Amino acid sequence: MQDMSEAFKKIIFSFTFNSCLFLFLIIGIQNSSTKTKVNLFKNETIALPISFIVGVSFITGSITGSLVPTFFNNKKFDN
C-alpha cells in the first residue's frame, strides 16, 4: 500500500500535467474555424471547435485514468 505522500504527489503531478495540456490546447485552437455543436441529452451546446471537444475528452480521460488507480488500489482481504 502506498502512503499518502506518494498518492498526493501523483495527484498533484496529474493535475499539473493536464493543466499544462489544457493551456496548450487553448493556445492551439485560437485559429480553428471548424465548429460543431454537441448534443447533451435534449440540449445543444454552443458551436465549439472540434479540436477543443477532442482535446478536452482526452484530458478528462487522462485525469480519470491517473486518479482511478490512486483511489482504488488493490487491497487484499484476510479470510
N, C-alpha and C. Protein backbone atom coordinates (compact mmCIF):
# COMPACT_ATOMS: atom_id res chain seq x y z
N MET A 1 0.83 -1.18 0.00
CA MET A 1 0.00 0.00 0.00
C MET A 1 0.88 1.24 0.00
N GLN A 2 0.51 2.20 -0.80
CA GLN A 2 1.31 3.42 -0.89
C GLN A 2 0.87 4.40 0.18
N ASP A 3 1.84 5.16 0.67
CA ASP A 3 1.46 6.11 1.70
C ASP A 3 0.87 7.38 1.07
N MET A 4 0.35 8.24 1.91
CA MET A 4 -0.40 9.40 1.44
C MET A 4 0.47 10.39 0.67
N SER A 5 1.73 10.50 1.01
CA SER A 5 2.57 11.47 0.31
C SER A 5 2.79 11.06 -1.15
N GLU A 6 2.92 9.76 -1.41
CA GLU A 6 3.06 9.31 -2.79
C GLU A 6 1.78 9.53 -3.58
N ALA A 7 0.65 9.24 -2.97
CA ALA A 7 -0.64 9.46 -3.63
C ALA A 7 -0.85 10.94 -3.90
N PHE A 8 -0.50 11.79 -2.94
CA PHE A 8 -0.64 13.24 -3.11
C PHE A 8 0.25 13.74 -4.23
N LYS A 9 1.47 13.23 -4.32
CA LYS A 9 2.39 13.62 -5.39
C LYS A 9 1.84 13.23 -6.76
N LYS A 10 1.25 12.03 -6.85
CA LYS A 10 0.67 11.59 -8.12
C LYS A 10 -0.50 12.46 -8.53
N ILE A 11 -1.34 12.84 -7.57
CA ILE A 11 -2.49 13.69 -7.87
C ILE A 11 -2.03 15.07 -8.32
N ILE A 12 -1.07 15.65 -7.61
CA ILE A 12 -0.55 16.97 -7.98
C ILE A 12 0.10 16.93 -9.35
N PHE A 13 0.89 15.89 -9.63
CA PHE A 13 1.53 15.76 -10.94
C PHE A 13 0.49 15.64 -12.05
N SER A 14 -0.55 14.84 -11.80
CA SER A 14 -1.60 14.64 -12.79
C SER A 14 -2.31 15.95 -13.12
N PHE A 15 -2.71 16.69 -12.10
CA PHE A 15 -3.40 17.95 -12.34
C PHE A 15 -2.49 18.99 -12.98
N THR A 16 -1.22 19.03 -12.58
CA THR A 16 -0.28 19.99 -13.19
C THR A 16 -0.05 19.67 -14.65
N PHE A 17 0.20 18.40 -14.95
CA PHE A 17 0.46 17.98 -16.33
C PHE A 17 -0.75 18.25 -17.22
N ASN A 18 -1.94 17.87 -16.74
CA ASN A 18 -3.14 18.04 -17.54
C ASN A 18 -3.55 19.51 -17.65
N SER A 19 -3.23 20.33 -16.66
CA SER A 19 -3.47 21.76 -16.77
C SER A 19 -2.59 22.38 -17.85
N CYS A 20 -1.36 21.93 -17.93
CA CYS A 20 -0.46 22.40 -18.99
C CYS A 20 -0.97 21.97 -20.37
N LEU A 21 -1.46 20.73 -20.47
CA LEU A 21 -2.04 20.28 -21.73
C LEU A 21 -3.25 21.13 -22.12
N PHE A 22 -4.09 21.47 -21.14
CA PHE A 22 -5.26 22.29 -21.40
C PHE A 22 -4.85 23.69 -21.86
N LEU A 23 -3.82 24.25 -21.25
CA LEU A 23 -3.31 25.57 -21.66
C LEU A 23 -2.82 25.53 -23.11
N PHE A 24 -2.05 24.50 -23.47
CA PHE A 24 -1.58 24.36 -24.85
C PHE A 24 -2.74 24.14 -25.81
N LEU A 25 -3.77 23.44 -25.36
CA LEU A 25 -4.95 23.22 -26.18
C LEU A 25 -5.64 24.55 -26.48
N ILE A 26 -5.81 25.38 -25.46
CA ILE A 26 -6.47 26.68 -25.64
C ILE A 26 -5.65 27.57 -26.58
N ILE A 27 -4.35 27.56 -26.41
CA ILE A 27 -3.49 28.37 -27.29
C ILE A 27 -3.53 27.83 -28.72
N GLY A 28 -3.57 26.51 -28.86
CA GLY A 28 -3.52 25.90 -30.18
C GLY A 28 -4.78 26.05 -31.01
N ILE A 29 -5.93 26.24 -30.38
CA ILE A 29 -7.18 26.31 -31.14
C ILE A 29 -7.62 27.74 -31.43
N GLN A 30 -6.76 28.69 -31.27
CA GLN A 30 -7.13 30.09 -31.48
C GLN A 30 -7.63 30.34 -32.91
N ASN A 31 -7.05 29.70 -33.89
CA ASN A 31 -7.42 29.96 -35.28
C ASN A 31 -8.25 28.83 -35.89
N SER A 32 -8.87 28.02 -35.05
CA SER A 32 -9.66 26.91 -35.56
C SER A 32 -11.00 27.43 -36.08
N SER A 33 -11.34 27.03 -37.29
CA SER A 33 -12.57 27.54 -37.89
C SER A 33 -13.66 26.47 -37.99
N THR A 34 -13.32 25.20 -37.88
CA THR A 34 -14.30 24.13 -37.97
C THR A 34 -14.99 23.98 -36.62
N LYS A 35 -16.28 24.27 -36.58
CA LYS A 35 -17.02 24.21 -35.32
C LYS A 35 -18.23 23.30 -35.46
N THR A 36 -18.64 22.71 -34.36
CA THR A 36 -19.81 21.86 -34.33
C THR A 36 -20.48 21.97 -32.97
N LYS A 37 -21.73 21.50 -32.89
CA LYS A 37 -22.46 21.52 -31.62
C LYS A 37 -22.48 20.11 -31.05
N VAL A 38 -22.52 20.02 -29.73
CA VAL A 38 -22.57 18.74 -29.05
C VAL A 38 -23.97 18.59 -28.45
N ASN A 39 -24.58 17.44 -28.67
CA ASN A 39 -25.91 17.18 -28.11
C ASN A 39 -25.75 16.55 -26.72
N LEU A 40 -26.26 17.23 -25.71
CA LEU A 40 -26.27 16.72 -24.35
C LEU A 40 -27.71 16.46 -23.96
N PHE A 41 -28.10 15.20 -24.00
CA PHE A 41 -29.47 14.78 -23.74
C PHE A 41 -30.40 15.51 -24.69
N LYS A 42 -31.20 16.46 -24.23
CA LYS A 42 -32.12 17.17 -25.11
C LYS A 42 -31.60 18.55 -25.50
N ASN A 43 -30.52 18.98 -24.90
CA ASN A 43 -29.98 20.32 -25.14
C ASN A 43 -28.77 20.26 -26.06
N GLU A 44 -28.50 21.37 -26.73
CA GLU A 44 -27.30 21.51 -27.55
C GLU A 44 -26.39 22.55 -26.93
N THR A 45 -25.10 22.34 -27.09
CA THR A 45 -24.15 23.34 -26.62
C THR A 45 -23.96 24.39 -27.71
N ILE A 46 -23.16 25.39 -27.39
CA ILE A 46 -22.81 26.37 -28.41
C ILE A 46 -21.85 25.72 -29.39
N ALA A 47 -21.62 26.35 -30.51
CA ALA A 47 -20.70 25.79 -31.50
C ALA A 47 -19.27 25.86 -30.96
N LEU A 48 -18.65 24.71 -30.83
CA LEU A 48 -17.29 24.60 -30.31
C LEU A 48 -16.39 24.00 -31.38
N PRO A 49 -15.11 24.40 -31.39
CA PRO A 49 -14.16 23.77 -32.33
C PRO A 49 -14.02 22.28 -32.02
N ILE A 50 -13.93 21.49 -33.08
CA ILE A 50 -13.81 20.04 -32.92
C ILE A 50 -12.54 19.68 -32.15
N SER A 51 -11.47 20.42 -32.39
CA SER A 51 -10.22 20.13 -31.68
C SER A 51 -10.37 20.36 -30.18
N PHE A 52 -11.20 21.31 -29.77
CA PHE A 52 -11.44 21.55 -28.35
C PHE A 52 -12.21 20.39 -27.73
N ILE A 53 -13.21 19.90 -28.43
CA ILE A 53 -14.01 18.77 -27.93
C ILE A 53 -13.13 17.53 -27.77
N VAL A 54 -12.32 17.24 -28.76
CA VAL A 54 -11.45 16.07 -28.71
C VAL A 54 -10.38 16.25 -27.62
N GLY A 55 -9.80 17.44 -27.53
CA GLY A 55 -8.76 17.70 -26.54
C GLY A 55 -9.26 17.61 -25.12
N VAL A 56 -10.43 18.18 -24.85
CA VAL A 56 -11.00 18.11 -23.50
C VAL A 56 -11.36 16.67 -23.16
N SER A 57 -11.84 15.91 -24.12
CA SER A 57 -12.14 14.49 -23.87
C SER A 57 -10.87 13.73 -23.52
N PHE A 58 -9.79 14.01 -24.22
CA PHE A 58 -8.51 13.35 -23.93
C PHE A 58 -8.01 13.71 -22.54
N ILE A 59 -8.06 14.99 -22.19
CA ILE A 59 -7.57 15.44 -20.89
C ILE A 59 -8.43 14.86 -19.76
N THR A 60 -9.73 14.81 -19.95
CA THR A 60 -10.62 14.22 -18.94
C THR A 60 -10.30 12.74 -18.74
N GLY A 61 -10.07 12.03 -19.82
CA GLY A 61 -9.69 10.62 -19.72
C GLY A 61 -8.34 10.43 -19.05
N SER A 62 -7.43 11.34 -19.31
CA SER A 62 -6.10 11.27 -18.69
C SER A 62 -6.19 11.48 -17.19
N ILE A 63 -6.99 12.45 -16.77
CA ILE A 63 -7.16 12.71 -15.33
C ILE A 63 -7.84 11.52 -14.67
N THR A 64 -8.88 11.03 -15.28
CA THR A 64 -9.61 9.89 -14.71
C THR A 64 -8.72 8.65 -14.64
N GLY A 65 -7.96 8.41 -15.69
CA GLY A 65 -7.08 7.25 -15.72
C GLY A 65 -5.95 7.31 -14.71
N SER A 66 -5.54 8.51 -14.34
CA SER A 66 -4.47 8.62 -13.35
C SER A 66 -5.01 8.61 -11.93
N LEU A 67 -6.27 8.99 -11.74
CA LEU A 67 -6.83 9.02 -10.39
C LEU A 67 -7.43 7.70 -9.95
N VAL A 68 -7.94 6.92 -10.89
CA VAL A 68 -8.59 5.66 -10.54
C VAL A 68 -7.63 4.71 -9.81
N PRO A 69 -6.41 4.47 -10.30
CA PRO A 69 -5.52 3.57 -9.55
C PRO A 69 -5.10 4.13 -8.19
N THR A 70 -5.10 5.45 -8.06
CA THR A 70 -4.70 6.06 -6.79
C THR A 70 -5.75 5.81 -5.71
N PHE A 71 -7.02 5.93 -6.08
CA PHE A 71 -8.08 5.79 -5.08
C PHE A 71 -8.57 4.35 -4.91
N PHE A 72 -8.43 3.55 -5.94
CA PHE A 72 -8.93 2.18 -5.87
C PHE A 72 -7.78 1.18 -6.00
N ASN A 73 -6.82 1.28 -5.12
CA ASN A 73 -5.71 0.33 -5.17
C ASN A 73 -6.18 -1.01 -4.62
N ASN A 74 -5.54 -2.06 -5.10
CA ASN A 74 -5.94 -3.42 -4.73
C ASN A 74 -5.61 -3.69 -3.26
N LYS A 75 -6.64 -3.98 -2.50
CA LYS A 75 -6.45 -4.33 -1.09
C LYS A 75 -6.76 -5.81 -0.93
N LYS A 76 -5.87 -6.51 -0.28
CA LYS A 76 -6.10 -7.93 -0.04
C LYS A 76 -6.89 -8.09 1.25
N PHE A 77 -7.94 -8.87 1.14
CA PHE A 77 -8.78 -9.12 2.30
C PHE A 77 -8.34 -10.41 2.99
N ASP A 78 -8.32 -10.36 4.30
CA ASP A 78 -7.96 -11.56 5.07
C ASP A 78 -9.20 -12.42 5.25
N ASN A 79 -9.06 -13.69 4.93
CA ASN A 79 -10.19 -14.63 5.08
C ASN A 79 -9.98 -15.50 6.29
